[in-house]
Structures are given as C-alpha cells and as structure tokens.
C-alpha cells in the first residue's frame, strides 16, 4: 500500500493538498527522508498521514507547504523566506545559543516576531 493510499483511507478523497504532497514525497523517496526534510520524526509523519496525530497539525502543514509547495513568509530579519525555514528558526529561538552572529540575530528577531507569538512552533 502506498503512502497516498494510506492517506486517502484516513483522510478521504480528495486529500487536502498538503497531505497529498506529503504522501507524494513519501512515495517518491522514503518516509524517513521526508520527515527529516520537515524536521520531524518518521513516526509523526506516519501519524499525520493516518490522521491520528494529536499535536500541532498547523505547524506540520506549514512545514510541508514551505518545504515542497513554495509557501513563503516575510521575516523581519531575513526578508522573504520559505515558511518551513521560518518554523525551523522559531524552533531554534526557544533556546538561546550564541554559536554565531546570525543565530543570535535570529534568536532576537524570532523572540519578538508576532508570528512566533501567535503560532508557536
């Protein structure tokens, strides 16, 4: 059974566009590789495709749309960036790590960003 078949069984037809894209990426490679690209575990991706993930589904959708569907956001520090890149920086901003100037800059920008306050990561 393909990942698309699994998703259709759980979500019904037609699939939400981002679920269809996630399933296509898993079918075209591996679930693990798709999960790594998104910054999540393969188990989480499996649960999303099976519609049994109880966590922040909006964050997963944002990651899929940014990684493979071309969605962008306007970052106060970097300008226009893919939405999955924004999500990755918001995750990193939860903990300060002065490893380089860019990371410090992004920590400050993400910590004050309305998008981070509103949506979380």
Protein backbone atom coordinates (compact mmCIF):
# COMPACT_ATOMS: atom_id res chain seq x y z
CA UNK A 1 0.00 0.00 0.00
CA UNK A 2 1.39 3.40 -0.96
CA UNK A 3 1.53 6.39 1.37
CA UNK A 4 -1.07 8.08 -0.83
CA UNK A 5 -3.39 5.09 -0.38
CA UNK A 6 -2.86 5.22 3.37
CA UNK A 7 -3.66 8.94 3.46
CA UNK A 8 -6.77 8.54 1.29
CA UNK A 9 -8.04 5.78 3.56
CA UNK A 10 -7.69 8.05 6.61
CA UNK A 11 -8.48 11.49 5.16
CA UNK A 12 -10.89 10.54 2.38
CA UNK A 13 -10.92 11.87 -1.17
CA UNK A 14 -9.98 14.44 -2.21
CA UNK A 15 -6.97 14.76 0.06
CA UNK A 16 -6.06 18.19 1.41
CA UNK A 17 -3.38 19.49 -0.97
CA UNK A 18 -0.64 19.47 1.64
CA UNK A 19 -1.43 15.91 2.76
CA UNK A 20 -1.33 14.81 -0.89
CA UNK A 21 2.08 16.48 -1.27
CA UNK A 22 3.42 14.86 1.90
CA UNK A 23 2.23 11.44 0.70
CA UNK A 24 3.81 12.05 -2.74
CA UNK A 25 7.13 12.91 -1.13
CA UNK A 26 7.00 9.73 0.96
CA UNK A 27 6.05 7.66 -2.10
CA UNK A 28 8.85 9.23 -4.13
CA UNK A 29 11.55 8.56 -1.55
CA UNK A 30 11.14 7.34 1.98
CA UNK A 31 9.03 8.44 4.88
CA UNK A 32 12.20 8.96 6.92
CA UNK A 33 13.71 11.29 4.30
CA UNK A 34 10.50 13.28 4.05
CA UNK A 35 10.36 13.56 7.84
CA UNK A 36 13.98 14.71 8.05
CA UNK A 37 13.32 17.41 5.45
CA UNK A 38 10.48 18.71 7.61
CA UNK A 39 12.39 18.46 10.89
CA UNK A 40 10.06 15.81 12.29
CA UNK A 41 10.22 12.09 13.04
CA UNK A 42 9.04 9.38 10.66
CA UNK A 43 6.51 8.33 13.29
CA UNK A 44 4.97 11.80 13.33
CA UNK A 45 4.70 11.78 9.53
CA UNK A 46 3.04 8.36 9.70
CA UNK A 47 0.51 9.65 12.24
CA UNK A 48 -0.23 12.72 10.11
CA UNK A 49 -0.86 10.58 7.03
CA UNK A 50 -3.12 8.32 9.11
CA UNK A 51 -4.92 11.37 10.56
CA UNK A 52 -4.07 10.25 14.08
CA UNK A 53 -1.56 12.96 15.03
CA UNK A 54 -2.79 14.81 18.12
CA UNK A 55 -0.14 17.56 18.06
CA UNK A 56 0.08 20.87 16.20
CA UNK A 57 -1.18 19.88 12.75
CA UNK A 58 -0.97 23.51 11.57
CA UNK A 59 2.79 23.52 12.19
CA UNK A 60 3.19 20.33 10.16
CA UNK A 61 1.10 21.84 7.36
CA UNK A 62 3.28 24.96 7.42
CA UNK A 63 6.42 22.84 7.15
CA UNK A 64 5.04 20.84 4.20
CA UNK A 65 3.89 23.97 2.39
CA UNK A 66 7.26 25.65 2.86
CA UNK A 67 9.36 22.61 2.01
CA UNK A 68 7.58 21.46 -1.15
CA UNK A 69 4.78 23.84 -2.09
CA UNK A 70 6.59 27.18 -2.26
CA UNK A 71 4.85 28.99 0.61
CA UNK A 72 6.80 31.95 1.94
CA UNK A 73 6.59 34.39 4.84
CA UNK A 74 8.15 37.78 5.45
CA UNK A 75 10.79 37.59 8.14
CA UNK A 76 11.77 40.86 9.88
CA UNK A 77 15.42 39.74 9.88
CA UNK A 78 15.79 37.83 6.59
CA UNK A 79 13.06 39.14 4.29
CA UNK A 80 11.06 36.62 2.28
CA UNK A 81 11.84 33.04 3.32
CA UNK A 82 10.14 29.64 2.92
CA UNK A 83 7.63 29.01 5.70
CA UNK A 84 9.45 25.85 6.80
CA UNK A 85 12.64 27.89 7.27
CA UNK A 86 10.68 30.28 9.48
CA UNK A 87 9.37 27.35 11.51
CA UNK A 88 12.90 25.97 11.89
CA UNK A 89 14.22 29.30 13.17
CA UNK A 90 11.27 29.64 15.56
CA UNK A 91 12.13 26.22 17.00
CA UNK A 92 15.76 27.25 17.42
CA UNK A 93 14.72 30.51 19.10
CA UNK A 94 13.21 28.63 22.03
CA UNK A 95 16.72 28.32 23.45
CA UNK A 96 19.48 30.91 23.20
CA UNK A 97 22.73 29.59 21.73
CA UNK A 98 25.36 32.23 20.88
CA UNK A 99 27.17 29.99 18.37
CA UNK A 100 27.37 32.68 15.68
CA UNK A 101 26.14 36.20 14.93
CA UNK A 102 23.36 35.05 12.61
CA UNK A 103 21.91 32.70 15.21
CA UNK A 104 21.93 35.48 17.83
CA UNK A 105 20.25 37.84 15.34
CA UNK A 106 17.58 35.24 14.55
CA UNK A 107 17.02 34.47 18.24
CA UNK A 108 16.27 38.13 18.86
CA UNK A 109 14.13 38.53 15.75
CA UNK A 110 12.12 35.35 16.34
CA UNK A 111 11.63 36.12 20.02
CA UNK A 112 9.97 39.43 19.15
CA UNK A 113 8.16 38.30 15.99
CA UNK A 114 4.36 38.41 16.10
CA UNK A 115 4.27 35.24 14.00
CA UNK A 116 6.18 33.35 16.70
CA UNK A 117 3.97 34.71 19.48
CA UNK A 118 0.78 33.87 17.60
CA UNK A 119 1.54 30.42 16.23
CA UNK A 120 4.30 28.87 18.28
CA UNK A 121 6.48 26.18 16.75
